[in-house]
Structure formats: structure tokens, C-alpha cells
N, C-alpha and C. Protein backbone atom coordinates (compact mmCIF):
# COMPACT_ATOMS: atom_id res chain seq x y z
N MET A 1 -15.23 -3.74 14.04
CA MET A 1 -13.86 -3.32 13.84
C MET A 1 -13.27 -3.88 12.54
N MET A 2 -13.38 -5.18 12.34
CA MET A 2 -12.81 -5.79 11.13
C MET A 2 -13.53 -5.31 9.87
N GLU A 3 -14.80 -4.99 10.00
CA GLU A 3 -15.53 -4.46 8.84
C GLU A 3 -14.94 -3.12 8.41
N THR A 4 -14.56 -2.31 9.36
CA THR A 4 -13.94 -1.01 9.06
C THR A 4 -12.59 -1.20 8.37
N VAL A 5 -11.80 -2.14 8.88
CA VAL A 5 -10.50 -2.43 8.27
C VAL A 5 -10.69 -2.92 6.84
N ALA A 6 -11.64 -3.81 6.63
CA ALA A 6 -11.92 -4.34 5.29
C ALA A 6 -12.34 -3.22 4.34
N GLU A 7 -13.18 -2.31 4.82
CA GLU A 7 -13.60 -1.18 3.98
C GLU A 7 -12.42 -0.29 3.62
N CYS A 8 -11.51 -0.08 4.56
CA CYS A 8 -10.33 0.74 4.30
C CYS A 8 -9.43 0.09 3.25
N VAL A 9 -9.19 -1.21 3.38
CA VAL A 9 -8.35 -1.92 2.41
C VAL A 9 -9.01 -1.87 1.04
N PHE A 10 -10.31 -2.10 0.98
CA PHE A 10 -11.03 -2.04 -0.29
C PHE A 10 -10.91 -0.65 -0.90
N GLY A 11 -11.04 0.38 -0.07
CA GLY A 11 -10.93 1.76 -0.55
C GLY A 11 -9.56 2.06 -1.12
N ILE A 12 -8.52 1.55 -0.47
CA ILE A 12 -7.15 1.75 -0.96
C ILE A 12 -6.99 1.12 -2.34
N VAL A 13 -7.42 -0.12 -2.45
CA VAL A 13 -7.29 -0.85 -3.73
C VAL A 13 -8.11 -0.15 -4.82
N GLU A 14 -9.33 0.23 -4.49
CA GLU A 14 -10.19 0.89 -5.48
C GLU A 14 -9.57 2.21 -5.94
N HIS A 15 -9.10 3.01 -4.99
CA HIS A 15 -8.51 4.30 -5.34
C HIS A 15 -7.28 4.14 -6.23
N LEU A 16 -6.39 3.23 -5.84
CA LEU A 16 -5.19 3.03 -6.64
C LEU A 16 -5.50 2.46 -8.02
N THR A 17 -6.50 1.61 -8.10
CA THR A 17 -6.90 1.05 -9.39
C THR A 17 -7.38 2.15 -10.32
N LEU A 18 -8.26 3.01 -9.81
CA LEU A 18 -8.83 4.06 -10.64
C LEU A 18 -7.82 5.16 -10.98
N SER A 19 -6.95 5.50 -10.03
CA SER A 19 -6.05 6.63 -10.26
C SER A 19 -4.69 6.25 -10.85
N GLN A 20 -4.25 5.00 -10.66
CA GLN A 20 -2.91 4.63 -11.11
C GLN A 20 -2.89 3.50 -12.14
N LEU A 21 -3.69 2.47 -11.92
CA LEU A 21 -3.64 1.29 -12.79
C LEU A 21 -4.36 1.51 -14.11
N LEU A 22 -5.61 1.93 -14.07
CA LEU A 22 -6.38 2.08 -15.31
C LEU A 22 -5.82 3.13 -16.26
N PRO A 23 -5.31 4.25 -15.76
CA PRO A 23 -4.68 5.21 -16.69
C PRO A 23 -3.31 4.75 -17.21
N GLY A 24 -2.79 3.66 -16.67
CA GLY A 24 -1.50 3.13 -17.13
C GLY A 24 -0.30 3.81 -16.50
N ILE A 25 -0.50 4.49 -15.39
CA ILE A 25 0.60 5.19 -14.73
C ILE A 25 1.54 4.20 -14.05
N LYS A 26 0.99 3.17 -13.41
CA LYS A 26 1.79 2.16 -12.73
C LYS A 26 1.33 0.77 -13.10
N GLU A 27 2.24 -0.18 -12.96
CA GLU A 27 1.95 -1.59 -13.23
C GLU A 27 1.34 -2.25 -11.99
N PRO A 28 0.60 -3.34 -12.17
CA PRO A 28 -0.01 -4.04 -11.03
C PRO A 28 0.98 -4.46 -9.96
N LYS A 29 2.14 -4.95 -10.37
CA LYS A 29 3.14 -5.40 -9.40
C LYS A 29 3.62 -4.24 -8.53
N SER A 30 3.82 -3.10 -9.13
CA SER A 30 4.26 -1.92 -8.40
C SER A 30 3.21 -1.48 -7.39
N LEU A 31 1.96 -1.49 -7.79
CA LEU A 31 0.88 -1.11 -6.88
C LEU A 31 0.72 -2.12 -5.75
N ALA A 32 0.88 -3.39 -6.05
CA ALA A 32 0.79 -4.42 -5.01
C ALA A 32 1.88 -4.21 -3.97
N LEU A 33 3.09 -3.90 -4.42
CA LEU A 33 4.19 -3.65 -3.49
C LEU A 33 3.92 -2.40 -2.65
N GLN A 34 3.36 -1.38 -3.27
CA GLN A 34 3.05 -0.15 -2.56
C GLN A 34 2.01 -0.40 -1.46
N VAL A 35 0.96 -1.16 -1.77
CA VAL A 35 -0.07 -1.47 -0.78
C VAL A 35 0.50 -2.35 0.33
N ALA A 36 1.29 -3.35 -0.04
CA ALA A 36 1.89 -4.22 0.96
C ALA A 36 2.80 -3.44 1.90
N ASN A 37 3.61 -2.55 1.35
CA ASN A 37 4.49 -1.72 2.18
C ASN A 37 3.68 -0.84 3.11
N LEU A 38 2.62 -0.25 2.60
CA LEU A 38 1.78 0.61 3.42
C LEU A 38 1.15 -0.16 4.57
N LEU A 39 0.56 -1.30 4.26
CA LEU A 39 -0.17 -2.05 5.28
C LEU A 39 0.74 -2.81 6.23
N LEU A 40 1.82 -3.39 5.72
CA LEU A 40 2.69 -4.18 6.57
C LEU A 40 3.73 -3.35 7.30
N TYR A 41 4.43 -2.50 6.57
CA TYR A 41 5.52 -1.74 7.17
C TYR A 41 5.07 -0.39 7.70
N GLY A 42 4.07 0.19 7.12
CA GLY A 42 3.58 1.50 7.58
C GLY A 42 3.03 1.43 8.99
N ILE A 43 2.40 0.34 9.32
CA ILE A 43 1.84 0.17 10.65
C ILE A 43 2.94 -0.12 11.66
N LEU A 44 3.96 -0.85 11.24
CA LEU A 44 5.01 -1.30 12.15
C LEU A 44 6.26 -0.42 12.14
N ALA A 45 6.28 0.59 11.27
CA ALA A 45 7.48 1.41 11.12
C ALA A 45 7.87 2.07 12.44
N THR A 46 9.14 2.02 12.72
CA THR A 46 9.65 2.68 13.91
C THR A 46 10.05 4.10 13.57
N GLU A 47 10.40 4.84 14.56
CA GLU A 47 10.75 6.24 14.36
C GLU A 47 11.88 6.37 13.35
N GLY A 48 11.64 7.11 12.28
CA GLY A 48 12.65 7.37 11.28
C GLY A 48 12.82 6.28 10.24
N ALA A 49 12.15 5.15 10.38
CA ALA A 49 12.29 4.06 9.40
C ALA A 49 11.49 4.39 8.15
N THR A 50 12.07 4.06 7.01
CA THR A 50 11.37 4.23 5.74
C THR A 50 11.25 2.88 5.06
N THR A 51 10.42 2.82 4.06
CA THR A 51 10.24 1.58 3.31
C THR A 51 11.55 1.12 2.69
N GLN A 52 12.35 2.05 2.19
CA GLN A 52 13.61 1.68 1.57
C GLN A 52 14.55 1.05 2.60
N GLU A 53 14.57 1.59 3.81
CA GLU A 53 15.43 1.02 4.85
C GLU A 53 14.97 -0.38 5.21
N ILE A 54 13.67 -0.59 5.28
CA ILE A 54 13.14 -1.90 5.63
C ILE A 54 13.44 -2.91 4.53
N GLU A 55 13.32 -2.49 3.25
CA GLU A 55 13.57 -3.39 2.13
C GLU A 55 15.04 -3.83 2.09
N LYS A 56 15.96 -3.01 2.55
CA LYS A 56 17.39 -3.34 2.52
C LYS A 56 17.75 -4.42 3.53
N GLU A 57 16.94 -4.55 4.59
CA GLU A 57 17.25 -5.52 5.65
C GLU A 57 17.04 -6.93 5.24
């Protein structure tokens, strides 16, 4: 189970690095925040909650 989770996290980082970071579309800090929001808040998000709503709290 944890091996699958690790592979998924690695895939997310690899994909964002190749598609967003290396071409210069986004900065590392922005991508780190995006991944953190996805993994931390995306899993725990309640009905209708968005990342912006969570960040305001």
C-alpha cells in the first residue's frame, strides 16, 4: 500500500517538474504549495470546500 502511495507522490512531482518547472511556467514555491494543497487538503476537503477557503481559515 505505501509503495503505491510513494509511486503516486513521485509521479506527481515528476510530472509537475517536467511540465511546469523546467519550462519556466511556475516557480518551485508555487508548485510546492500546489502539491501540498492537493495532498493535504484535497484528501480532507469537505463538500464544497476549496483550497482558497481553507487557506483563509
